[in-house]
Amino acid sequence: MFAVFKTGGKQYRVAAEDVLKVARLKGELGEIVEFGEVLVVGGDSVTLGAPMVAGATVAAEVLDHARGPKIIAFKKRRRKNSRRKRGFREEFTLIRITEILTDGQKANKTVQLRPKRAPAPAAQASADESETAAAASKGATAKKARAKKAPKAKAKAPATKAKPKGKPKK
């Protein structure tokens, strides 16, 4: 399911678990914010708003408040000894979309803990594993052999005094 919503004068197409930067929002870190200006809700069937979809909201968790890169506006008028240098850093909020709601449903105000990725299953001792270990050790010895080769030393030419070209000075 996806939705297109509007905030800060811009429109964003999002799905659940998307992380995006939007213009600075009021809200503490970890707080759930709702966006009510939903223009399109899609999934099995697409619902277009005229101009907004009635009863649809997008809920998001505030991850961070930060500032973007510095943008420098430099103005110069030639031959007038006139220059102006001005910097600007836009403030933004980093959010993660938690859910897309329709039919007037209310957002879950508690932050849902995201499941941690499980580590790869422990390898069992088997014939396949011993074969891969043997192949890896062969590759490691080949790498060591290449690493042991010393780089060739370049022979330095003896320093000679350069003779000037052309006629000698009188």
N, C-alpha and C. Protein backbone atom coordinates (compact mmCIF):
# COMPACT_ATOMS: atom_id res chain seq x y z
N MET A 1 0.84 -1.17 0.00
CA MET A 1 0.00 0.00 0.00
C MET A 1 0.90 1.24 0.00
N PHE A 2 0.51 2.26 -0.74
CA PHE A 2 1.25 3.51 -0.78
C PHE A 2 0.30 4.67 -0.64
N ALA A 3 0.87 5.84 -0.38
CA ALA A 3 0.06 7.06 -0.27
C ALA A 3 0.89 8.23 -0.76
N VAL A 4 0.20 9.26 -1.22
CA VAL A 4 0.84 10.53 -1.58
C VAL A 4 0.26 11.56 -0.63
N PHE A 5 1.14 12.20 0.16
CA PHE A 5 0.66 13.22 1.09
C PHE A 5 1.44 14.50 0.89
N LYS A 6 0.90 15.57 1.48
CA LYS A 6 1.47 16.89 1.27
C LYS A 6 1.87 17.48 2.62
N THR A 7 3.11 17.98 2.70
CA THR A 7 3.56 18.70 3.89
C THR A 7 4.68 19.64 3.48
N GLY A 8 4.71 20.81 4.09
CA GLY A 8 5.77 21.77 3.81
C GLY A 8 5.78 22.25 2.38
N GLY A 9 4.63 22.24 1.71
CA GLY A 9 4.55 22.70 0.33
C GLY A 9 5.04 21.70 -0.70
N LYS A 10 5.35 20.48 -0.27
CA LYS A 10 5.82 19.45 -1.19
C LYS A 10 4.96 18.20 -1.04
N GLN A 11 5.00 17.35 -2.05
CA GLN A 11 4.24 16.10 -2.02
C GLN A 11 5.22 14.93 -2.01
N TYR A 12 4.89 13.90 -1.24
CA TYR A 12 5.75 12.74 -1.08
C TYR A 12 4.95 11.47 -1.32
N ARG A 13 5.53 10.53 -2.09
CA ARG A 13 4.93 9.21 -2.29
C ARG A 13 5.64 8.26 -1.34
N VAL A 14 4.88 7.63 -0.44
CA VAL A 14 5.49 6.81 0.60
C VAL A 14 4.77 5.48 0.75
N ALA A 15 5.46 4.53 1.34
CA ALA A 15 4.91 3.25 1.75
C ALA A 15 5.33 3.04 3.20
N ALA A 16 4.82 2.01 3.84
CA ALA A 16 5.17 1.74 5.23
C ALA A 16 6.66 1.45 5.34
N GLU A 17 7.28 1.92 6.42
CA GLU A 17 8.71 1.76 6.73
C GLU A 17 9.64 2.61 5.86
N ASP A 18 9.12 3.52 5.07
CA ASP A 18 9.97 4.44 4.32
C ASP A 18 10.55 5.49 5.26
N VAL A 19 11.79 5.91 5.00
CA VAL A 19 12.43 6.97 5.77
C VAL A 19 12.68 8.13 4.82
N LEU A 20 12.24 9.34 5.22
CA LEU A 20 12.45 10.48 4.34
C LEU A 20 12.64 11.76 5.13
N LYS A 21 13.19 12.78 4.44
CA LYS A 21 13.40 14.09 5.02
C LYS A 21 12.26 14.99 4.59
N VAL A 22 11.65 15.67 5.56
CA VAL A 22 10.62 16.65 5.25
C VAL A 22 11.00 17.95 5.94
N ALA A 23 10.32 19.04 5.57
CA ALA A 23 10.58 20.32 6.20
C ALA A 23 10.34 20.19 7.70
N ARG A 24 10.99 21.01 8.48
CA ARG A 24 10.97 20.91 9.95
C ARG A 24 9.54 20.83 10.49
N LEU A 25 9.32 19.83 11.35
CA LEU A 25 8.02 19.61 11.99
C LEU A 25 8.13 19.84 13.48
N LYS A 26 7.01 20.17 14.11
CA LYS A 26 6.97 20.23 15.56
C LYS A 26 6.75 18.82 16.06
N GLY A 27 7.54 18.41 16.98
CA GLY A 27 7.40 17.07 17.52
C GLY A 27 8.72 16.62 18.13
N GLU A 28 8.63 15.88 19.22
CA GLU A 28 9.81 15.38 19.90
C GLU A 28 10.30 14.11 19.22
N LEU A 29 11.55 13.74 19.50
CA LEU A 29 12.10 12.51 18.95
C LEU A 29 11.31 11.32 19.48
N GLY A 30 10.97 10.40 18.60
CA GLY A 30 10.21 9.22 18.98
C GLY A 30 8.70 9.42 19.00
N GLU A 31 8.25 10.64 18.79
CA GLU A 31 6.82 10.94 18.80
C GLU A 31 6.19 10.55 17.46
N ILE A 32 4.91 10.19 17.48
CA ILE A 32 4.17 9.87 16.26
C ILE A 32 3.45 11.13 15.79
N VAL A 33 3.68 11.51 14.52
CA VAL A 33 2.97 12.65 13.93
C VAL A 33 2.07 12.13 12.82
N GLU A 34 0.96 12.84 12.59
CA GLU A 34 0.00 12.44 11.56
C GLU A 34 -0.08 13.51 10.49
N PHE A 35 -0.18 13.07 9.23
CA PHE A 35 -0.36 13.96 8.10
C PHE A 35 -1.76 13.72 7.55
N GLY A 36 -2.59 14.75 7.59
CA GLY A 36 -3.98 14.60 7.17
C GLY A 36 -4.23 14.95 5.72
N GLU A 37 -3.30 15.64 5.08
CA GLU A 37 -3.50 16.05 3.69
C GLU A 37 -3.03 14.93 2.76
N VAL A 38 -3.84 13.88 2.63
CA VAL A 38 -3.50 12.73 1.78
C VAL A 38 -4.21 12.92 0.44
N LEU A 39 -3.43 12.91 -0.64
CA LEU A 39 -3.97 13.16 -1.98
C LEU A 39 -4.37 11.87 -2.69
N VAL A 40 -3.58 10.79 -2.49
CA VAL A 40 -3.83 9.52 -3.17
C VAL A 40 -3.53 8.39 -2.19
N VAL A 41 -4.38 7.36 -2.19
CA VAL A 41 -4.09 6.14 -1.45
C VAL A 41 -4.18 5.01 -2.46
N GLY A 42 -3.11 4.20 -2.53
CA GLY A 42 -3.08 3.12 -3.51
C GLY A 42 -2.80 1.79 -2.85
N GLY A 43 -3.04 0.76 -3.60
CA GLY A 43 -2.83 -0.60 -3.12
C GLY A 43 -3.52 -1.52 -4.11
N ASP A 44 -4.49 -2.31 -3.64
CA ASP A 44 -5.27 -3.14 -4.55
C ASP A 44 -6.09 -2.25 -5.48
N SER A 45 -6.66 -1.18 -4.91
CA SER A 45 -7.39 -0.21 -5.73
C SER A 45 -6.90 1.18 -5.35
N VAL A 46 -6.82 2.07 -6.33
CA VAL A 46 -6.30 3.41 -6.11
C VAL A 46 -7.46 4.35 -5.83
N THR A 47 -7.32 5.16 -4.77
CA THR A 47 -8.33 6.14 -4.40
C THR A 47 -7.74 7.52 -4.58
N LEU A 48 -8.31 8.29 -5.48
CA LEU A 48 -7.86 9.66 -5.73
C LEU A 48 -8.71 10.62 -4.93
N GLY A 49 -8.07 11.62 -4.35
CA GLY A 49 -8.80 12.63 -3.60
C GLY A 49 -9.23 13.76 -4.50
N ALA A 50 -10.27 14.49 -4.05
CA ALA A 50 -10.73 15.64 -4.81
C ALA A 50 -10.93 16.81 -3.87
N PRO A 51 -9.97 17.52 -3.38
CA PRO A 51 -8.54 17.36 -3.57
C PRO A 51 -7.91 16.39 -2.56
N MET A 52 -8.58 16.08 -1.43
CA MET A 52 -8.01 15.19 -0.41
C MET A 52 -8.86 13.93 -0.29
N VAL A 53 -8.25 12.84 0.14
CA VAL A 53 -8.97 11.60 0.39
C VAL A 53 -9.60 11.72 1.77
N ALA A 54 -10.92 11.56 1.86
CA ALA A 54 -11.63 11.72 3.12
C ALA A 54 -11.29 10.57 4.07
N GLY A 55 -10.92 10.92 5.31
CA GLY A 55 -10.66 9.91 6.33
C GLY A 55 -9.30 9.23 6.24
N ALA A 56 -8.43 9.67 5.36
CA ALA A 56 -7.12 9.04 5.21
C ALA A 56 -6.06 9.87 5.93
N THR A 57 -5.16 9.18 6.62
CA THR A 57 -4.03 9.84 7.26
C THR A 57 -2.78 8.98 7.10
N VAL A 58 -1.64 9.62 7.22
CA VAL A 58 -0.36 8.92 7.20
C VAL A 58 0.31 9.20 8.54
N ALA A 59 0.70 8.15 9.25
CA ALA A 59 1.35 8.29 10.56
C ALA A 59 2.84 8.02 10.39
N ALA A 60 3.65 8.82 11.09
CA ALA A 60 5.10 8.69 10.99
C ALA A 60 5.75 8.95 12.34
N GLU A 61 6.89 8.31 12.54
CA GLU A 61 7.67 8.49 13.76
C GLU A 61 8.80 9.47 13.49
N VAL A 62 9.00 10.43 14.38
CA VAL A 62 10.08 11.40 14.24
C VAL A 62 11.38 10.75 14.68
N LEU A 63 12.35 10.67 13.76
CA LEU A 63 13.63 10.05 14.06
C LEU A 63 14.69 11.07 14.47
N ASP A 64 14.69 12.25 13.81
CA ASP A 64 15.75 13.21 14.07
C ASP A 64 15.35 14.58 13.54
N HIS A 65 15.89 15.62 14.19
CA HIS A 65 15.80 16.99 13.68
C HIS A 65 17.22 17.40 13.35
N ALA A 66 17.46 17.90 12.13
CA ALA A 66 18.82 18.24 11.73
C ALA A 66 18.78 19.40 10.74
N ARG A 67 19.97 19.77 10.27
CA ARG A 67 20.10 20.83 9.28
C ARG A 67 20.84 20.29 8.08
N GLY A 68 20.43 20.75 6.91
CA GLY A 68 21.02 20.28 5.66
C GLY A 68 22.36 20.93 5.39
N PRO A 69 22.92 20.68 4.22
CA PRO A 69 24.22 21.27 3.87
C PRO A 69 24.09 22.78 3.66
N LYS A 70 25.21 23.48 3.83
CA LYS A 70 25.20 24.93 3.68
C LYS A 70 25.11 25.29 2.21
N ILE A 71 24.21 26.19 1.91
CA ILE A 71 24.04 26.70 0.55
C ILE A 71 24.49 28.15 0.58
N ILE A 72 25.41 28.51 -0.32
CA ILE A 72 25.97 29.86 -0.33
C ILE A 72 25.41 30.64 -1.51
N ALA A 73 24.84 31.80 -1.22
CA ALA A 73 24.36 32.71 -2.27
C ALA A 73 25.38 33.84 -2.37
N PHE A 74 26.13 33.86 -3.47
CA PHE A 74 27.18 34.86 -3.66
C PHE A 74 26.77 35.76 -4.81
N LYS A 75 26.69 37.06 -4.54
CA LYS A 75 26.31 38.02 -5.58
C LYS A 75 27.45 39.00 -5.77
N LYS A 76 27.78 39.27 -7.02
CA LYS A 76 28.87 40.20 -7.32
C LYS A 76 28.45 41.07 -8.49
N ARG A 77 28.67 42.35 -8.33
CA ARG A 77 28.43 43.28 -9.43
C ARG A 77 29.80 43.74 -9.91
N ARG A 78 30.15 43.39 -11.12
CA ARG A 78 31.50 43.66 -11.60
C ARG A 78 31.78 45.16 -11.73
N ARG A 79 33.01 45.49 -11.46
CA ARG A 79 33.53 46.86 -11.55
C ARG A 79 32.80 47.84 -10.62
N LYS A 80 32.11 47.33 -9.62
CA LYS A 80 31.39 48.23 -8.70
C LYS A 80 31.88 48.06 -7.26
N ASN A 81 32.85 47.17 -7.03
CA ASN A 81 33.33 46.87 -5.69
C ASN A 81 32.15 46.48 -4.78
N SER A 82 31.28 45.63 -5.30
CA SER A 82 30.09 45.22 -4.56
C SER A 82 30.01 43.70 -4.54
N ARG A 83 30.04 43.11 -3.35
CA ARG A 83 29.90 41.67 -3.20
C ARG A 83 29.04 41.37 -1.98
N ARG A 84 28.25 40.32 -2.08
CA ARG A 84 27.45 39.87 -0.94
C ARG A 84 27.55 38.36 -0.87
N LYS A 85 27.92 37.83 0.30
CA LYS A 85 27.99 36.39 0.50
C LYS A 85 27.07 36.06 1.66
N ARG A 86 26.15 35.13 1.40
CA ARG A 86 25.17 34.78 2.42
C ARG A 86 25.00 33.28 2.44
N GLY A 87 25.05 32.68 3.61
CA GLY A 87 24.88 31.24 3.74
C GLY A 87 23.53 30.88 4.32
N PHE A 88 23.09 29.65 4.06
CA PHE A 88 21.78 29.20 4.53
C PHE A 88 21.82 27.69 4.71
N ARG A 89 21.28 27.20 5.81
CA ARG A 89 21.14 25.76 6.05
C ARG A 89 19.70 25.47 6.38
N GLU A 90 19.06 24.66 5.55
CA GLU A 90 17.65 24.35 5.75
C GLU A 90 17.50 23.32 6.87
N GLU A 91 16.54 23.56 7.76
CA GLU A 91 16.26 22.60 8.83
C GLU A 91 15.27 21.57 8.32
N PHE A 92 15.50 20.31 8.67
CA PHE A 92 14.59 19.26 8.24
C PHE A 92 14.34 18.28 9.37
N THR A 93 13.33 17.45 9.19
CA THR A 93 13.00 16.41 10.14
C THR A 93 13.07 15.08 9.41
N LEU A 94 13.75 14.13 10.00
CA LEU A 94 13.86 12.78 9.43
C LEU A 94 12.74 11.94 10.05
N ILE A 95 11.88 11.36 9.19
CA ILE A 95 10.75 10.58 9.70
C ILE A 95 10.73 9.19 9.09
N ARG A 96 10.10 8.26 9.80
CA ARG A 96 9.86 6.91 9.28
C ARG A 96 8.35 6.71 9.26
N ILE A 97 7.81 6.34 8.10
CA ILE A 97 6.38 6.11 7.96
C ILE A 97 6.03 4.83 8.70
N THR A 98 5.11 4.92 9.66
CA THR A 98 4.73 3.73 10.43
C THR A 98 3.51 3.05 9.84
N GLU A 99 2.50 3.84 9.45
CA GLU A 99 1.30 3.22 8.88
C GLU A 99 0.52 4.21 8.02
N ILE A 100 -0.24 3.65 7.08
CA ILE A 100 -1.12 4.44 6.23
C ILE A 100 -2.54 4.02 6.60
N LEU A 101 -3.34 4.99 7.05
CA LEU A 101 -4.67 4.69 7.58
C LEU A 101 -5.75 5.24 6.67
N THR A 102 -6.84 4.51 6.55
CA THR A 102 -7.99 4.96 5.76
C THR A 102 -9.25 4.81 6.61
N ASP A 103 -10.36 5.32 6.12
CA ASP A 103 -11.68 5.21 6.77
C ASP A 103 -11.68 5.79 8.17
N GLY A 104 -10.94 6.86 8.42
CA GLY A 104 -10.99 7.55 9.71
C GLY A 104 -10.36 6.80 10.87
N GLN A 105 -9.52 5.82 10.61
CA GLN A 105 -8.86 5.09 11.69
C GLN A 105 -7.87 6.02 12.41
N LYS A 106 -7.61 5.71 13.67
CA LYS A 106 -6.66 6.50 14.45
C LYS A 106 -5.30 5.82 14.45
N ALA A 107 -4.26 6.64 14.49
CA ALA A 107 -2.88 6.11 14.48
C ALA A 107 -2.53 5.55 15.84
N ASN A 108 -1.69 4.53 15.84
CA ASN A 108 -1.16 3.95 17.07
C ASN A 108 -0.13 4.92 17.63
N LYS A 109 -0.40 5.49 18.80
CA LYS A 109 0.46 6.54 19.35
C LYS A 109 1.73 6.02 19.99
N THR A 110 1.85 4.70 20.16
CA THR A 110 3.08 4.16 20.72
C THR A 110 3.97 3.68 19.59
N VAL A 111 5.25 3.85 19.77
CA VAL A 111 6.21 3.45 18.76
C VAL A 111 6.35 1.94 18.80
N GLN A 112 6.17 1.31 17.64
CA GLN A 112 6.32 -0.14 17.58
C GLN A 112 7.79 -0.46 17.42
N LEU A 113 8.28 -1.37 18.29
CA LEU A 113 9.67 -1.76 18.19
C LEU A 113 9.86 -2.59 16.93
N ARG A 114 10.88 -2.23 16.19
CA ARG A 114 11.16 -2.96 14.95
C ARG A 114 11.94 -4.22 15.31
N PRO A 115 11.60 -5.35 14.70
CA PRO A 115 12.33 -6.58 15.03
C PRO A 115 13.77 -6.50 14.54
N LYS A 116 14.66 -7.02 15.37
CA LYS A 116 16.08 -7.06 15.00
C LYS A 116 16.30 -8.19 14.01
N ARG A 117 17.24 -7.99 13.11
CA ARG A 117 17.57 -9.04 12.16
C ARG A 117 18.30 -10.16 12.89
N ALA A 118 17.86 -11.38 12.63
CA ALA A 118 18.50 -12.53 13.27
C ALA A 118 19.83 -12.81 12.57
N PRO A 119 20.86 -13.19 13.32
CA PRO A 119 22.12 -13.51 12.67
C PRO A 119 21.96 -14.77 11.82
N ALA A 120 22.88 -14.95 10.89
CA ALA A 120 22.82 -16.11 10.00
C ALA A 120 22.88 -17.38 10.85
N PRO A 121 22.16 -18.43 10.45
CA PRO A 121 22.18 -19.66 11.25
C PRO A 121 23.59 -20.22 11.33
N ALA A 122 23.90 -20.80 12.51
CA ALA A 122 25.24 -21.34 12.74
C ALA A 122 25.50 -22.48 11.77
N ALA A 123 26.69 -22.47 11.20
CA ALA A 123 27.04 -23.49 10.22
C ALA A 123 27.30 -24.82 10.94
N GLN A 124 26.80 -25.88 10.37
CA GLN A 124 27.01 -27.20 10.95
C GLN A 124 28.22 -27.82 10.26
N ALA A 125 28.93 -28.67 11.03
CA ALA A 125 30.10 -29.34 10.46
C ALA A 125 29.61 -30.39 9.48
N SER A 126 29.97 -30.19 8.24
CA SER A 126 29.56 -31.13 7.21
C SER A 126 30.63 -31.18 6.13
N ALA A 127 30.43 -32.05 5.19
CA ALA A 127 31.40 -32.21 4.12
C ALA A 127 31.48 -30.95 3.27
N ASP A 128 30.32 -30.31 3.02
CA ASP A 128 30.31 -29.09 2.21
C ASP A 128 31.14 -28.00 2.87
N GLU A 129 31.01 -27.90 4.17
CA GLU A 129 31.73 -26.85 4.88
C GLU A 129 33.23 -27.08 4.83
N SER A 130 33.65 -28.34 4.97
CA SER A 130 35.08 -28.63 4.94
C SER A 130 35.66 -28.35 3.56
N GLU A 131 34.84 -28.60 2.51
CA GLU A 131 35.31 -28.30 1.16
C GLU A 131 35.49 -26.80 0.96
N THR A 132 34.54 -26.02 1.45
CA THR A 132 34.64 -24.57 1.29
C THR A 132 35.81 -24.03 2.10
N ALA A 133 36.05 -24.60 3.28
CA ALA A 133 37.18 -24.16 4.10
C ALA A 133 38.50 -24.46 3.40
N ALA A 134 38.58 -25.63 2.76
CA ALA A 134 39.81 -25.99 2.04
C ALA A 134 40.02 -25.04 0.87
N ALA A 135 38.95 -24.71 0.15
CA ALA A 135 39.06 -23.80 -0.99
C ALA A 135 39.48 -22.42 -0.52
N ALA A 136 38.94 -21.99 0.62
CA ALA A 136 39.28 -20.67 1.13
C ALA A 136 40.74 -20.62 1.55
N SER A 137 41.24 -21.71 2.16
CA SER A 137 42.63 -21.69 2.60
C SER A 137 43.58 -21.68 1.40
N LYS A 138 43.19 -22.34 0.31
CA LYS A 138 44.01 -22.30 -0.90
C LYS A 138 44.07 -20.87 -1.44
N GLY A 139 42.91 -20.21 -1.43
CA GLY A 139 42.86 -18.82 -1.89
C GLY A 139 43.68 -17.92 -1.00
N ALA A 140 43.69 -18.21 0.31
CA ALA A 140 44.44 -17.38 1.24
C ALA A 140 45.94 -17.55 1.01
N THR A 141 46.38 -18.79 0.73
CA THR A 141 47.81 -18.99 0.48
C THR A 141 48.24 -18.30 -0.80
N ALA A 142 47.37 -18.29 -1.80
CA ALA A 142 47.71 -17.61 -3.04
C ALA A 142 47.84 -16.11 -2.80
N LYS A 143 46.96 -15.55 -1.95
CA LYS A 143 47.02 -14.12 -1.65
C LYS A 143 48.31 -13.79 -0.89
N LYS A 144 48.68 -14.68 0.05
CA LYS A 144 49.91 -14.45 0.81
C LYS A 144 51.12 -14.49 -0.10
N ALA A 145 51.12 -15.42 -1.06
CA ALA A 145 52.25 -15.52 -1.98
C ALA A 145 52.38 -14.25 -2.81
N ARG A 146 51.26 -13.71 -3.26
CA ARG A 146 51.30 -12.47 -4.02
C ARG A 146 51.77 -11.31 -3.15
N ALA A 147 51.34 -11.31 -1.88
CA ALA A 147 51.71 -10.22 -0.99
C ALA A 147 53.19 -10.26 -0.64
N LYS A 148 53.80 -11.45 -0.62
CA LYS A 148 55.20 -11.58 -0.24
C LYS A 148 56.15 -11.06 -1.30
N LYS A 149 55.69 -10.98 -2.55
CA LYS A 149 56.56 -10.47 -3.60
C LYS A 149 56.93 -9.03 -3.28
N ALA A 150 58.23 -8.79 -3.24
CA ALA A 150 58.69 -7.44 -2.93
C ALA A 150 58.66 -6.61 -4.22
N PRO A 151 58.31 -5.36 -4.10
CA PRO A 151 58.33 -4.52 -5.30
C PRO A 151 59.77 -4.33 -5.77
N LYS A 152 59.92 -4.25 -7.07
CA LYS A 152 61.25 -4.09 -7.65
C LYS A 152 61.77 -2.70 -7.33
N ALA A 153 63.03 -2.67 -6.91
CA ALA A 153 63.65 -1.38 -6.61
C ALA A 153 64.11 -0.76 -7.92
N LYS A 154 63.83 0.50 -8.07
CA LYS A 154 64.24 1.20 -9.28
C LYS A 154 65.67 1.68 -9.11
N ALA A 155 66.48 1.44 -10.11
CA ALA A 155 67.88 1.86 -10.07
C ALA A 155 67.94 3.36 -10.31
N LYS A 156 68.70 4.02 -9.45
CA LYS A 156 68.80 5.47 -9.58
C LYS A 156 69.98 5.79 -10.49
N ALA A 157 69.80 6.72 -11.39
CA ALA A 157 70.88 7.14 -12.26
C ALA A 157 71.82 8.04 -11.46
N PRO A 158 73.12 7.94 -11.72
CA PRO A 158 74.05 8.80 -10.98
C PRO A 158 73.80 10.27 -11.32
N ALA A 159 73.90 11.08 -10.30
CA ALA A 159 73.66 12.51 -10.50
C ALA A 159 74.81 13.13 -11.27
N THR A 160 74.51 13.76 -12.38
CA THR A 160 75.53 14.42 -13.19
C THR A 160 75.19 15.89 -13.29
N LYS A 161 76.20 16.67 -13.48
CA LYS A 161 75.97 18.10 -13.59
C LYS A 161 75.46 18.40 -15.00
N ALA A 162 74.36 19.09 -15.06
CA ALA A 162 73.78 19.42 -16.36
C ALA A 162 74.58 20.54 -17.01
N LYS A 163 74.88 20.34 -18.29
CA LYS A 163 75.64 21.35 -19.03
C LYS A 163 74.66 22.26 -19.73
N PRO A 164 74.91 23.55 -19.70
CA PRO A 164 74.00 24.48 -20.37
C PRO A 164 74.15 24.34 -21.88
N LYS A 165 73.03 24.49 -22.55
CA LYS A 165 73.03 24.42 -23.99
C LYS A 165 73.28 25.79 -24.58
N GLY A 166 73.84 25.83 -25.75
CA GLY A 166 74.08 27.10 -26.42
C GLY A 166 75.48 27.63 -26.18
N LYS A 167 75.68 28.87 -26.51
CA LYS A 167 76.99 29.49 -26.40
C LYS A 167 77.27 29.85 -24.94
N PRO A 168 78.54 29.69 -24.55
CA PRO A 168 78.89 30.09 -23.17
C PRO A 168 78.85 31.60 -23.04
N LYS A 169 78.60 32.06 -21.84
CA LYS A 169 78.55 33.50 -21.57
C LYS A 169 79.95 34.05 -21.48
N LYS A 170 80.14 35.25 -21.95
CA LYS A 170 81.46 35.90 -21.90
C LYS A 170 81.52 36.92 -20.81
